[in-house]
Amino acid sequence: MEDATMSSAEEPAPSPAAAPQQQQLSAAKSLSGVAWTGGSLVGSLNPDNHGYRVADGQGGYIITNTHRKYKRTRLNADGELVAEDEDEIPSNIVVQFTDREGSEVGEALDVPTSAGSAELGTLIRSLLGEDDGEGDRGHIPYAFFAKVTRKVSATNPTTGERETKSHTDEVDITDYASLCAFLRAHREHVSTEQTLELTYQPLALFKVRPVTRCTDTLPGHTEAILHVSYSPDGRRLASGGGDATVRFWDVNTSTPRHTCRGHRDHVLCTSWSPDGLRFASGDKRGNLILWDPTKGTASGTIKAHSKWITGMAWEPMHSNASCERLVTASKDGHAKVWNTRTRRCEATMSGHLDSIEGVRWGGEGLVYTASRDRTIKVWNANEAKGRTGLLVRTLTGHGHRVNALALSCDYVCRTGPFDHRGDVPDAPSGDRSSKEWRDAAHRACLDKYRAFKGSGEPERLVSGSDDFTLMLWHPTESKKPLKRLTGHQQAVNHIAF
C-alpha cells in the first residue's frame, strides 16, 4: 500500500507546456467517429453531412466521403483497377431481336456496340436462316428500331396542373453509325445494363434516287404564295398569293396559263370542283370568287363572310353530278353552303365559339368543321336525310384548338371521275359540259366510291391539334374517338391520308 501510495505521489505533475498538447489530443479523439449534426446522419435533413470524419491532429478533422457516386471499375493494360469514365459506352450489350408482331427471334445475344446496321442485318439473316447471297447483292436489307421511353411534362386541360407522363418512341437504328452512337445519343433514356430490344423490319429491294435538284421553277407571283392546289385530273395547277392574284399553270410544260385579278387582298385558299370545270378562291376580306379555269375569267363574286375565309370544300360528284355546291369556313365562326350556279347561300352553320380552322365535305353527305374552340362539329348536307346545315353531333376530346382535318375518302372525293392517268373511263371525248360526258363521269365517281367502301370500313376522320396530338374518329357512327395518336412535340398544323 505504501509503495502504491508512493508511486502515485511520486508521479510528476504535468508541465504547463504539455497541458495544451493534451487538450488538443483529447479534442482530436472526440472529433473522430461518425459525423452527426443537425439531427440526421445523412440525407435531405442534413445535406452538409458527407460521411465519416477523422482527426487531423491539429484540432480539426478530415471528412472521408463514403457517399460519392459509385463508378464502375475495370482492369487496364497493366492489370491495375481503374474507374471507368462516366461517358464511356461498354464494348458489348445484350440484344434481343423481335419482329413487328412482338415475337422473339432466337436467344438474347451479346453484341458489340461497334456493330452498325450492316452487321445487325447479317446477324438477323443468320438467325432467320436466310442466304446472304454473293457480296452486297441478293440479300434482303433490314431496318432496326429501338424503343426509347421519355418523360414528357404537359398541362392537364381539365385541372390545369402540370403532369409527367411516359412517352415511348421507336428510334431507327440505321440513322446512327453504330449501336455505340445510338447509346451515346440516348444515354439518359436507354440503360446499357438491361437487354436492348431491337425490332427488325425487311426493306424493299429497290432503291429510290433522291431528288437532288429542282426540275422546274414557276415564277410570276410578286408576293408570298399562300395556297396551291392541283386540278382533279392532275394536269393543271392553281396558286393564290399575297399579291391578290390567282394563277393557273400547265403542269406538263411548267408554263403559266392565266393570271386572274379580282381579289383586293391576300388569297388564302383555293379549291377545284370534282369535275374540274369550276374553281373557287377565298381572300382575307371574306370574298369568294368563282372562276372558269379554262378561260381564266371570273364567273361571280360573293361576299361570303365578315372575316377572312379559312377553308372551302366542294360536294363530291358521286353525291351530286352537277358539282354546284360548295362549303366555306371563316374566322367569323360560321360555315356556309353555297350554290355556285345561283350564287345563293343554302345554309349557315353556326355553333362554334371561335374561328373555324378547317372544313371537309365527306362522302356520306356530312360536313366536318374544326375550330379553335377545341371541338369538331358534324353537319348534315344531304337533303334526303334532313335539313342542310343541321348539327348531327359534336366531337370533343382535344385539349387545345383543332388546326386540321383529313378524311380517308379525301382522294376519292377530290379527284372525282378521273383515274390515275387523268382520264374518265368510258367517257366520250369532247365537251366536258355535255350530258353524255357528265353521265359517264357520274357513273365513274359512283364506281370509284363503291370500290373505296368495299372494305367495309366506315368513313374515318383524323384531327390535328395544338395539344400535340392527333385523334382518329368514325364520325358517321360515334362521337367518341377511336384512338389518340401521340408523338409530336409541337402543334400539329397539317395532316393528310
Protein backbone atom coordinates (compact mmCIF):
# COMPACT_ATOMS: atom_id res chain seq x y z
CA MET A 1 0.00 0.00 0.00
CA GLU A 2 2.83 2.34 0.85
CA ASP A 3 4.57 1.51 -2.46
CA ALA A 4 1.37 2.18 -4.37
CA THR A 5 0.83 5.40 -2.48
CA MET A 6 4.37 6.44 -3.03
CA SER A 7 4.15 5.66 -6.79
CA SER A 8 1.05 7.76 -7.11
CA ALA A 9 2.52 10.52 -5.07
CA GLU A 10 5.85 10.45 -6.84
CA GLU A 11 4.27 10.75 -10.36
CA PRO A 12 5.40 14.06 -11.71
CA ALA A 13 2.75 16.69 -12.39
CA PRO A 14 2.27 17.72 -15.97
CA SER A 15 4.18 20.78 -17.02
CA PRO A 16 2.28 23.89 -18.15
CA ALA A 17 3.70 23.45 -21.69
CA ALA A 18 2.29 19.91 -22.02
CA ALA A 19 -1.26 20.89 -20.99
CA PRO A 20 -2.33 22.41 -24.35
CA GLN A 21 -0.99 19.38 -26.25
CA GLN A 22 -3.03 17.01 -24.12
CA GLN A 23 -6.12 19.16 -24.64
CA GLN A 24 -5.58 19.00 -28.43
CA LEU A 25 -5.22 15.21 -28.35
CA SER A 26 -8.37 14.93 -26.25
CA ALA A 27 -10.22 17.19 -28.67
CA ALA A 28 -8.90 15.21 -31.63
CA LYS A 29 -10.15 11.97 -30.13
CA SER A 30 -13.59 13.50 -29.60
CA LEU A 31 -13.70 14.55 -33.29
CA SER A 32 -13.06 11.04 -34.63
CA GLY A 33 -16.10 8.92 -35.49
CA VAL A 34 -19.35 9.39 -37.34
CA ALA A 35 -20.36 12.91 -38.34
CA TRP A 36 -23.70 13.64 -36.69
CA THR A 37 -25.07 17.15 -36.93
CA GLY A 38 -28.46 18.74 -37.49
CA GLY A 39 -30.35 15.76 -36.11
CA SER A 40 -29.64 13.48 -39.07
CA LEU A 41 -26.74 11.30 -40.09
CA VAL A 42 -27.22 11.59 -43.86
CA GLY A 43 -29.95 12.52 -46.28
CA SER A 44 -32.07 15.54 -47.11
CA LEU A 45 -32.37 16.57 -43.43
CA ASN A 46 -28.60 17.10 -43.19
CA PRO A 47 -27.17 17.88 -46.63
CA ASP A 48 -23.89 19.13 -45.17
CA ASN A 49 -23.01 15.73 -43.73
CA HIS A 50 -20.86 13.79 -46.21
CA GLY A 51 -19.79 10.70 -44.25
CA TYR A 52 -17.12 9.82 -41.65
CA ARG A 53 -14.59 12.22 -40.12
CA VAL A 54 -11.11 11.51 -38.86
CA ALA A 55 -8.99 13.75 -36.61
CA ASP A 56 -6.16 15.52 -38.41
CA GLY A 57 -4.06 16.02 -35.22
CA GLN A 58 -4.27 19.79 -35.48
CA GLY A 59 -7.55 20.30 -33.70
CA GLY A 60 -9.73 19.68 -36.77
CA TYR A 61 -10.92 16.67 -38.77
CA ILE A 62 -10.89 15.24 -42.26
CA ILE A 63 -14.17 14.08 -43.89
CA THR A 64 -13.93 10.82 -45.76
CA ASN A 65 -16.78 10.91 -48.32
CA THR A 66 -18.31 7.47 -48.44
CA HIS A 67 -21.46 8.65 -50.25
CA ARG A 68 -19.93 9.79 -53.50
CA LYS A 69 -21.46 8.46 -56.77
CA TYR A 70 -20.46 4.87 -57.44
CA LYS A 71 -18.29 4.35 -60.51
CA ARG A 72 -17.68 1.05 -62.21
CA THR A 73 -14.10 -0.14 -62.36
CA ARG A 74 -12.10 -2.11 -64.90
CA LEU A 75 -8.61 -3.51 -65.34
CA ASN A 76 -6.27 -1.52 -67.58
CA ALA A 77 -3.44 -2.92 -69.71
CA ASP A 78 -1.13 -3.08 -66.67
CA GLY A 79 -3.65 -5.05 -64.64
CA GLU A 80 -4.48 -2.10 -62.40
CA LEU A 81 -8.03 -1.41 -61.23
CA VAL A 82 -9.18 1.98 -62.57
CA ALA A 83 -12.53 3.77 -62.61
CA GLU A 84 -14.42 3.88 -65.90
CA ASP A 85 -15.29 7.19 -67.47
CA GLU A 86 -18.96 8.09 -66.93
CA ASP A 87 -19.35 8.82 -70.66
CA GLU A 88 -17.75 5.56 -71.74
CA ILE A 89 -20.04 3.10 -73.51
CA PRO A 90 -19.42 -0.61 -72.81
CA SER A 91 -17.93 -2.64 -75.60
CA ASN A 92 -20.82 -5.13 -75.62
CA ILE A 93 -24.55 -5.06 -74.95
CA VAL A 94 -27.19 -7.79 -74.71
CA VAL A 95 -29.65 -7.57 -77.63
CA GLN A 96 -32.96 -9.37 -78.19
CA PHE A 97 -34.39 -9.31 -81.74
CA THR A 98 -38.18 -9.21 -82.21
CA ASP A 99 -40.44 -8.94 -85.26
CA ARG A 100 -43.27 -6.44 -85.76
CA GLU A 101 -45.71 -8.77 -84.01
CA GLY A 102 -43.53 -8.82 -80.90
CA SER A 103 -42.33 -12.43 -81.31
CA GLU A 104 -38.76 -13.03 -80.21
CA VAL A 105 -36.26 -14.39 -82.74
CA GLY A 106 -33.59 -16.59 -81.20
CA GLU A 107 -32.00 -16.07 -77.80
CA ALA A 108 -30.62 -12.82 -76.41
CA LEU A 109 -27.15 -12.22 -77.83
CA ASP A 110 -24.09 -10.34 -76.60
CA VAL A 111 -23.45 -7.92 -79.48
CA PRO A 112 -20.52 -5.49 -79.85
CA THR A 113 -21.63 -1.87 -79.59
CA SER A 114 -19.43 -1.10 -82.59
CA ALA A 115 -21.89 -3.03 -84.81
CA GLY A 116 -23.89 -0.99 -87.28
CA SER A 117 -26.99 -1.73 -89.36
CA ALA A 118 -24.98 -3.84 -91.83
CA GLU A 119 -23.63 -6.12 -89.09
CA LEU A 120 -27.03 -6.35 -87.43
CA GLY A 121 -28.54 -7.27 -90.80
CA THR A 122 -26.04 -10.07 -91.24
CA LEU A 123 -26.85 -11.31 -87.74
CA ILE A 124 -30.64 -11.31 -88.21
CA ARG A 125 -30.34 -13.07 -91.58
CA SER A 126 -28.27 -15.74 -89.87
CA LEU A 127 -30.91 -16.16 -87.18
CA LEU A 128 -33.66 -16.40 -89.80
CA GLY A 129 -31.68 -18.87 -91.87
CA GLU A 130 -31.50 -16.63 -94.94
CA ASP A 131 -28.72 -16.79 -97.52
CA ASP A 132 -26.65 -13.64 -97.73
CA GLY A 133 -26.08 -14.14 -101.43
CA GLU A 134 -22.97 -13.03 -103.21
CA GLY A 135 -21.42 -9.81 -101.98
CA ASP A 136 -23.80 -6.98 -101.17
CA ARG A 137 -26.39 -8.12 -103.71
CA GLY A 138 -29.03 -10.77 -103.41
CA HIS A 139 -29.94 -10.37 -99.72
CA ILE A 140 -32.85 -8.58 -98.09
CA PRO A 141 -31.89 -5.38 -96.24
CA TYR A 142 -33.35 -4.78 -92.79
CA ALA A 143 -34.13 -1.76 -90.67
CA PHE A 144 -33.88 -1.92 -86.88
CA PHE A 145 -35.86 0.07 -84.31
CA ALA A 146 -35.31 0.50 -80.57
CA LYS A 147 -37.93 1.71 -78.09
CA VAL A 148 -36.93 4.85 -76.20
CA THR A 149 -39.10 5.91 -73.24
CA ARG A 150 -39.04 9.57 -72.26
CA LYS A 151 -40.73 11.59 -69.53
CA VAL A 152 -42.93 14.30 -71.02
CA SER A 153 -44.39 17.15 -68.97
CA ALA A 154 -47.74 18.52 -70.12
CA THR A 155 -50.61 20.56 -68.75
CA ASN A 156 -53.81 18.72 -67.89
CA PRO A 157 -56.57 20.56 -69.80
CA THR A 158 -59.11 19.71 -67.08
CA THR A 159 -57.21 20.63 -63.91
CA GLY A 160 -54.61 22.98 -65.38
CA GLU A 161 -51.84 21.22 -63.43
CA ARG A 162 -48.55 20.02 -64.86
CA GLU A 163 -48.33 16.25 -65.22
CA THR A 164 -45.45 13.98 -66.13
CA LYS A 165 -46.22 11.09 -68.44
CA SER A 166 -44.14 8.38 -70.06
CA HIS A 167 -43.89 8.55 -73.84
CA THR A 168 -42.35 5.76 -75.94
CA ASP A 169 -40.86 6.34 -79.40
CA GLU A 170 -39.36 3.93 -81.90
CA VAL A 171 -35.93 5.18 -82.96
CA ASP A 172 -34.44 3.95 -86.24
CA ILE A 173 -31.02 2.46 -85.52
CA THR A 174 -30.00 2.88 -89.18
CA ASP A 175 -29.83 6.64 -88.58
CA TYR A 176 -26.74 6.05 -86.45
CA ALA A 177 -23.31 4.76 -87.45
CA SER A 178 -23.34 2.09 -84.75
CA LEU A 179 -25.06 0.92 -81.58
CA CYS A 180 -22.46 2.90 -79.65
CA ALA A 181 -23.54 6.14 -81.34
CA PHE A 182 -27.20 5.34 -80.61
CA LEU A 183 -26.49 4.58 -76.94
CA ARG A 184 -24.43 7.75 -76.55
CA ALA A 185 -27.20 9.87 -78.09
CA HIS A 186 -29.88 8.34 -75.83
CA ARG A 187 -27.84 7.66 -72.69
CA GLU A 188 -30.46 9.32 -70.49
CA HIS A 189 -33.27 7.03 -71.69
CA VAL A 190 -31.58 3.71 -72.55
CA SER A 191 -29.73 1.61 -69.98
CA THR A 192 -26.73 -0.44 -71.08
CA GLU A 193 -27.27 -2.78 -68.11
CA GLN A 194 -30.57 -4.07 -69.48
CA THR A 195 -31.40 -6.10 -72.56
CA LEU A 196 -31.88 -3.86 -75.59
CA GLU A 197 -34.92 -4.96 -77.62
CA LEU A 198 -34.48 -4.36 -81.35
CA THR A 199 -37.42 -4.72 -83.74
CA TYR A 200 -36.40 -5.68 -87.26
CA GLN A 201 -38.30 -4.95 -90.45
CA PRO A 202 -37.42 -6.01 -94.01
CA LEU A 203 -36.94 -3.22 -96.54
CA ALA A 204 -37.69 -3.05 -100.24
CA LEU A 205 -35.04 -4.38 -102.59
CA PHE A 206 -35.16 -1.37 -104.90
CA LYS A 207 -33.61 1.98 -104.15
CA VAL A 208 -35.20 5.36 -104.81
CA ARG A 209 -32.90 8.00 -106.17
CA PRO A 210 -33.13 11.15 -104.06
CA VAL A 211 -34.26 14.42 -105.59
CA THR A 212 -31.07 16.44 -105.79
CA ARG A 213 -32.22 19.36 -107.92
CA CYS A 214 -35.29 21.40 -108.79
CA THR A 215 -36.88 20.25 -112.04
CA ASP A 216 -38.79 23.46 -112.78
CA THR A 217 -39.43 26.89 -111.33
CA LEU A 218 -42.72 28.73 -111.85
CA PRO A 219 -42.10 32.48 -111.43
CA GLY A 220 -44.87 35.04 -111.58
CA HIS A 221 -46.19 35.91 -108.13
CA THR A 222 -44.83 39.15 -106.70
CA GLU A 223 -45.69 38.30 -103.08
CA ALA A 224 -45.77 35.20 -100.91
CA ILE A 225 -47.65 32.19 -102.31
CA LEU A 226 -50.20 31.17 -99.67
CA HIS A 227 -52.07 28.24 -101.27
CA VAL A 228 -51.71 25.84 -104.21
CA SER A 229 -54.00 23.06 -105.47
CA TYR A 230 -53.94 20.55 -108.32
CA SER A 231 -56.88 20.04 -110.65
CA PRO A 232 -58.73 16.70 -110.32
CA ASP A 233 -57.07 15.31 -113.46
CA GLY A 234 -53.63 16.43 -112.24
CA ARG A 235 -52.81 18.37 -115.42
CA ARG A 236 -53.25 21.90 -114.08
CA LEU A 237 -52.15 23.78 -111.01
CA ALA A 238 -53.65 26.86 -109.36
CA SER A 239 -51.94 29.17 -106.89
CA GLY A 240 -53.06 32.11 -104.77
CA GLY A 241 -50.81 34.62 -103.09
CA GLY A 242 -50.32 37.81 -101.19
CA ASP A 243 -50.32 39.78 -104.45
CA ALA A 244 -54.13 39.25 -104.59
CA THR A 245 -53.92 37.19 -107.80
CA VAL A 246 -54.87 33.66 -108.79
CA ARG A 247 -52.64 31.99 -111.36
CA PHE A 248 -53.28 28.85 -113.41
CA TRP A 249 -50.35 26.76 -114.64
CA ASP A 250 -49.82 23.95 -117.13
CA VAL A 251 -48.07 21.20 -115.20
CA ASN A 252 -46.68 19.37 -118.26
CA THR A 253 -44.95 22.42 -119.71
CA SER A 254 -44.45 24.37 -116.44
CA THR A 255 -45.83 27.48 -118.10
CA PRO A 256 -48.50 29.98 -116.95
CA ARG A 257 -51.95 29.71 -118.48
CA HIS A 258 -53.89 32.56 -116.89
CA THR A 259 -53.32 35.35 -114.39
CA CYS A 260 -56.62 36.23 -112.72
CA ARG A 261 -57.20 39.52 -110.93
CA GLY A 262 -60.25 40.32 -108.88
CA HIS A 263 -59.31 39.93 -105.24
CA ARG A 264 -58.41 43.03 -103.26
CA ASP A 265 -56.48 41.27 -100.51
CA HIS A 266 -54.42 38.12 -99.83
CA VAL A 267 -55.77 34.95 -101.46
CA LEU A 268 -55.80 32.45 -98.58
CA CYS A 269 -57.41 29.31 -100.02
CA THR A 270 -58.26 27.74 -103.39
CA SER A 271 -60.31 24.71 -104.46
CA TRP A 272 -61.29 22.87 -107.68
CA SER A 273 -64.69 21.31 -108.28
CA PRO A 274 -64.53 17.50 -108.72
CA ASP A 275 -65.35 17.74 -112.44
CA GLY A 276 -62.58 20.33 -113.00
CA LEU A 277 -64.97 22.84 -114.63
CA ARG A 278 -65.20 25.29 -111.72
CA PHE A 279 -62.68 26.88 -109.41
CA ALA A 280 -63.13 28.92 -106.22
CA SER A 281 -60.80 31.18 -104.25
CA GLY A 282 -61.28 32.98 -100.93
CA ASP A 283 -59.44 36.02 -99.59
CA LYS A 284 -58.69 37.87 -96.39
CA ARG A 285 -61.70 40.16 -96.74
CA GLY A 286 -64.17 37.27 -96.79
CA ASN A 287 -64.82 37.46 -100.54
CA LEU A 288 -65.41 34.30 -102.57
CA ILE A 289 -64.68 34.46 -106.32
CA LEU A 290 -65.76 31.72 -108.76
CA TRP A 291 -63.59 31.22 -111.88
CA ASP A 292 -63.73 29.44 -115.20
CA PRO A 293 -60.30 27.73 -115.17
CA THR A 294 -60.29 27.07 -118.93
CA LYS A 295 -60.71 30.77 -119.80
CA GLY A 296 -59.28 32.41 -116.70
CA THR A 297 -62.31 34.64 -116.20
CA ALA A 298 -64.41 35.28 -113.09
CA SER A 299 -67.96 33.96 -113.22
CA GLY A 300 -69.12 35.55 -109.98
CA THR A 301 -68.10 37.29 -106.76
CA ILE A 302 -69.81 36.65 -103.41
CA LYS A 303 -69.35 38.47 -100.11
CA ALA A 304 -69.31 35.21 -98.19
CA HIS A 305 -68.12 36.14 -94.69
CA SER A 306 -67.39 39.12 -92.47
CA LYS A 307 -63.84 37.91 -91.78
CA TRP A 308 -61.29 36.03 -93.84
CA ILE A 309 -62.07 32.64 -95.37
CA THR A 310 -60.03 29.84 -93.79
CA GLY A 311 -61.14 26.87 -95.91
CA MET A 312 -63.52 25.53 -98.53
CA ALA A 313 -64.64 22.17 -99.92
CA TRP A 314 -66.84 21.04 -102.83
CA GLU A 315 -69.62 18.48 -102.64
CA PRO A 316 -68.37 15.12 -104.00
CA MET A 317 -69.51 14.29 -107.53
CA HIS A 318 -70.86 10.87 -106.58
CA SER A 319 -73.36 12.69 -104.31
CA ASN A 320 -74.34 15.34 -106.85
CA ALA A 321 -73.48 15.05 -110.54
CA SER A 322 -73.89 18.81 -111.13
CA CYS A 323 -70.98 19.75 -108.80
CA GLU A 324 -72.67 23.03 -107.88
CA ARG A 325 -72.44 23.17 -104.10
CA LEU A 326 -69.52 24.49 -102.08
CA VAL A 327 -68.96 24.97 -98.34
CA THR A 328 -66.80 27.78 -96.97
CA ALA A 329 -65.47 28.31 -93.43
CA SER A 330 -64.30 31.53 -91.85
CA LYS A 331 -62.65 33.19 -88.90
CA ASP A 332 -66.08 34.59 -88.03
CA GLY A 333 -67.01 31.12 -86.66
CA HIS A 334 -69.55 30.27 -89.38
CA ALA A 335 -69.60 27.76 -92.22
CA LYS A 336 -71.88 28.30 -95.22
CA VAL A 337 -73.13 26.09 -98.05
CA TRP A 338 -73.35 27.91 -101.39
CA ASN A 339 -74.98 27.06 -104.70
CA THR A 340 -72.40 28.32 -107.18
CA ARG A 341 -74.92 28.39 -110.03
CA THR A 342 -77.50 30.59 -108.31
CA ARG A 343 -74.93 32.36 -106.01
CA ARG A 344 -77.26 31.75 -103.07
CA CYS A 345 -76.43 30.60 -99.54
CA GLU A 346 -78.36 27.39 -98.86
CA ALA A 347 -77.38 27.00 -95.21
CA THR A 348 -75.44 28.78 -92.48
CA MET A 349 -73.91 26.51 -89.86
CA SER A 350 -73.41 28.39 -86.57
CA GLY A 351 -72.40 26.85 -83.29
CA HIS A 352 -68.65 27.23 -82.92
CA LEU A 353 -67.44 29.67 -80.28
CA ASP A 354 -64.27 30.65 -82.14
CA SER A 355 -62.66 30.69 -85.56
CA ILE A 356 -63.12 27.65 -87.84
CA GLU A 357 -59.70 26.40 -88.93
CA GLY A 358 -60.63 23.57 -91.31
CA VAL A 359 -63.59 22.15 -93.24
CA ARG A 360 -64.22 18.87 -95.12
CA TRP A 361 -67.17 17.58 -97.17
CA GLY A 362 -67.34 13.82 -96.68
CA GLY A 363 -68.58 11.07 -98.94
CA GLU A 364 -71.58 10.23 -96.73
CA GLY A 365 -73.30 13.61 -97.04
CA LEU A 366 -71.73 15.15 -93.93
CA VAL A 367 -69.71 18.34 -93.49
CA TYR A 368 -67.00 18.49 -90.82
CA THR A 369 -65.69 21.73 -89.27
CA ALA A 370 -62.75 22.10 -86.87
CA SER A 371 -62.47 25.13 -84.64
CA ARG A 372 -60.28 26.91 -82.16
CA ASP A 373 -62.91 26.17 -79.53
CA ARG A 374 -61.38 22.63 -79.34
CA THR A 375 -64.37 20.91 -80.97
CA ILE A 376 -65.24 19.30 -84.29
CA LYS A 377 -68.84 19.60 -85.43
CA VAL A 378 -70.60 17.26 -87.86
CA TRP A 379 -73.34 18.79 -90.03
CA ASN A 380 -75.88 17.23 -92.36
CA ALA A 381 -75.52 18.24 -96.03
CA ASN A 382 -77.70 15.54 -97.60
CA GLU A 383 -81.18 16.89 -98.25
CA ALA A 384 -82.56 13.36 -98.43
CA LYS A 385 -81.59 12.81 -94.75
CA GLY A 386 -82.86 16.11 -93.37
CA ARG A 387 -82.34 19.83 -93.44
CA THR A 388 -78.99 21.01 -94.80
CA GLY A 389 -76.90 22.56 -92.04
CA LEU A 390 -78.48 20.53 -89.21
CA LEU A 391 -76.00 19.70 -86.44
CA VAL A 392 -75.58 15.91 -86.20
CA ARG A 393 -73.03 15.60 -83.40
CA THR A 394 -70.10 17.36 -81.74
CA LEU A 395 -66.74 15.61 -81.36
CA THR A 396 -64.79 16.58 -78.23
CA GLY A 397 -61.52 15.35 -76.82
CA HIS A 398 -58.75 17.73 -77.83
CA GLY A 399 -57.21 19.87 -75.11
CA HIS A 400 -56.39 22.78 -77.40
CA ARG A 401 -57.57 24.31 -80.67
CA VAL A 402 -58.07 21.97 -83.64
CA ASN A 403 -55.98 23.05 -86.64
CA ALA A 404 -56.56 20.50 -89.38
CA LEU A 405 -58.81 17.69 -90.61
CA ALA A 406 -58.30 14.80 -93.03
CA LEU A 407 -60.79 12.23 -94.35
CA SER A 408 -59.99 8.73 -95.52
CA CYS A 409 -62.04 9.46 -98.67
CA ASP A 410 -60.33 12.80 -99.46
CA TYR A 411 -58.56 11.44 -102.52
CA VAL A 412 -61.71 9.80 -103.93
CA CYS A 413 -63.80 12.94 -103.42
CA ARG A 414 -61.15 15.35 -104.71
CA THR A 415 -60.23 13.51 -107.94
CA GLY A 416 -63.86 12.85 -108.89
CA PRO A 417 -64.27 10.67 -112.00
CA PHE A 418 -60.62 10.81 -113.11
CA ASP A 419 -58.32 7.81 -112.88
CA HIS A 420 -54.57 7.87 -112.22
CA ARG A 421 -53.92 8.82 -115.87
CA GLY A 422 -56.26 11.82 -115.69
CA ASP A 423 -58.89 10.16 -117.90
CA VAL A 424 -62.56 9.32 -117.31
CA PRO A 425 -63.34 5.65 -118.10
CA ASP A 426 -65.96 5.13 -120.85
CA ALA A 427 -66.49 8.87 -121.27
CA PRO A 428 -66.82 10.34 -124.77
CA SER A 429 -64.07 12.70 -125.80
CA GLY A 430 -65.00 16.30 -126.39
CA ASP A 431 -67.01 18.79 -124.39
CA ARG A 432 -66.99 18.07 -120.66
CA SER A 433 -70.21 20.01 -120.21
CA SER A 434 -72.18 17.63 -122.45
CA LYS A 435 -74.77 15.36 -120.87
CA GLU A 436 -73.06 12.20 -122.19
CA TRP A 437 -69.73 13.10 -120.61
CA ARG A 438 -71.35 14.10 -117.30
CA ASP A 439 -73.38 10.87 -117.10
CA ALA A 440 -70.26 8.79 -117.74
CA ALA A 441 -68.33 10.85 -115.18
CA HIS A 442 -71.06 10.35 -112.57
CA ARG A 443 -71.00 6.58 -113.11
CA ALA A 444 -67.21 6.58 -112.77
CA CYS A 445 -67.48 8.50 -109.48
CA LEU A 446 -70.03 6.04 -108.10
CA ASP A 447 -67.87 3.06 -109.09
CA LYS A 448 -64.80 4.62 -107.50
CA TYR A 449 -66.60 5.38 -104.23
CA ARG A 450 -68.18 1.91 -104.09
CA ALA A 451 -64.71 0.40 -104.53
CA PHE A 452 -63.47 2.60 -101.70
CA LYS A 453 -66.29 1.40 -99.43
CA GLY A 454 -65.76 -2.24 -100.42
CA SER A 455 -63.53 -2.89 -97.43
CA GLY A 456 -66.47 -2.27 -95.10
CA GLU A 457 -64.55 0.34 -93.12
CA PRO A 458 -66.67 3.42 -92.31
CA GLU A 459 -65.51 6.90 -93.18
CA ARG A 460 -62.56 7.83 -90.98
CA LEU A 461 -61.61 11.30 -89.81
CA VAL A 462 -58.30 12.43 -88.32
CA SER A 463 -57.89 15.74 -86.49
CA GLY A 464 -54.69 17.55 -85.53
CA SER A 465 -54.42 19.99 -82.65
CA ASP A 466 -52.23 22.41 -80.73
CA ASP A 467 -52.22 19.83 -77.91
CA PHE A 468 -49.54 17.94 -79.92
CA THR A 469 -51.86 15.01 -80.67
CA LEU A 470 -53.99 13.55 -83.44
CA MET A 471 -57.33 11.83 -82.93
CA LEU A 472 -58.91 9.13 -85.07
CA TRP A 473 -62.72 9.13 -85.38
CA HIS A 474 -65.58 7.24 -87.02
CA PRO A 475 -67.75 10.38 -87.20
CA THR A 476 -70.63 8.77 -89.09
CA GLU A 477 -71.22 6.32 -86.23
CA SER A 478 -69.99 7.77 -82.94
CA LYS A 479 -68.85 10.96 -81.26
CA LYS A 480 -66.16 9.16 -79.25
CA PRO A 481 -62.57 9.00 -80.58
CA LEU A 482 -61.20 5.62 -81.58
CA LYS A 483 -57.61 6.43 -80.74
CA ARG A 484 -55.39 9.28 -79.63
CA LEU A 485 -52.17 9.39 -81.65
CA THR A 486 -49.21 10.88 -79.80
CA GLY A 487 -45.64 11.54 -80.79
CA HIS A 488 -45.42 15.14 -81.96
CA GLN A 489 -43.56 17.52 -79.68
CA GLN A 490 -45.22 20.64 -81.09
CA ALA A 491 -48.57 21.67 -82.58
CA VAL A 492 -49.96 19.62 -85.49
CA ASN A 493 -50.79 22.00 -88.34
CA HIS A 494 -51.45 19.76 -91.33
CA ILE A 495 -52.44 16.11 -91.91
CA ALA A 496 -53.36 14.04 -94.97
CA PHE A 497 -54.37 10.49 -95.80
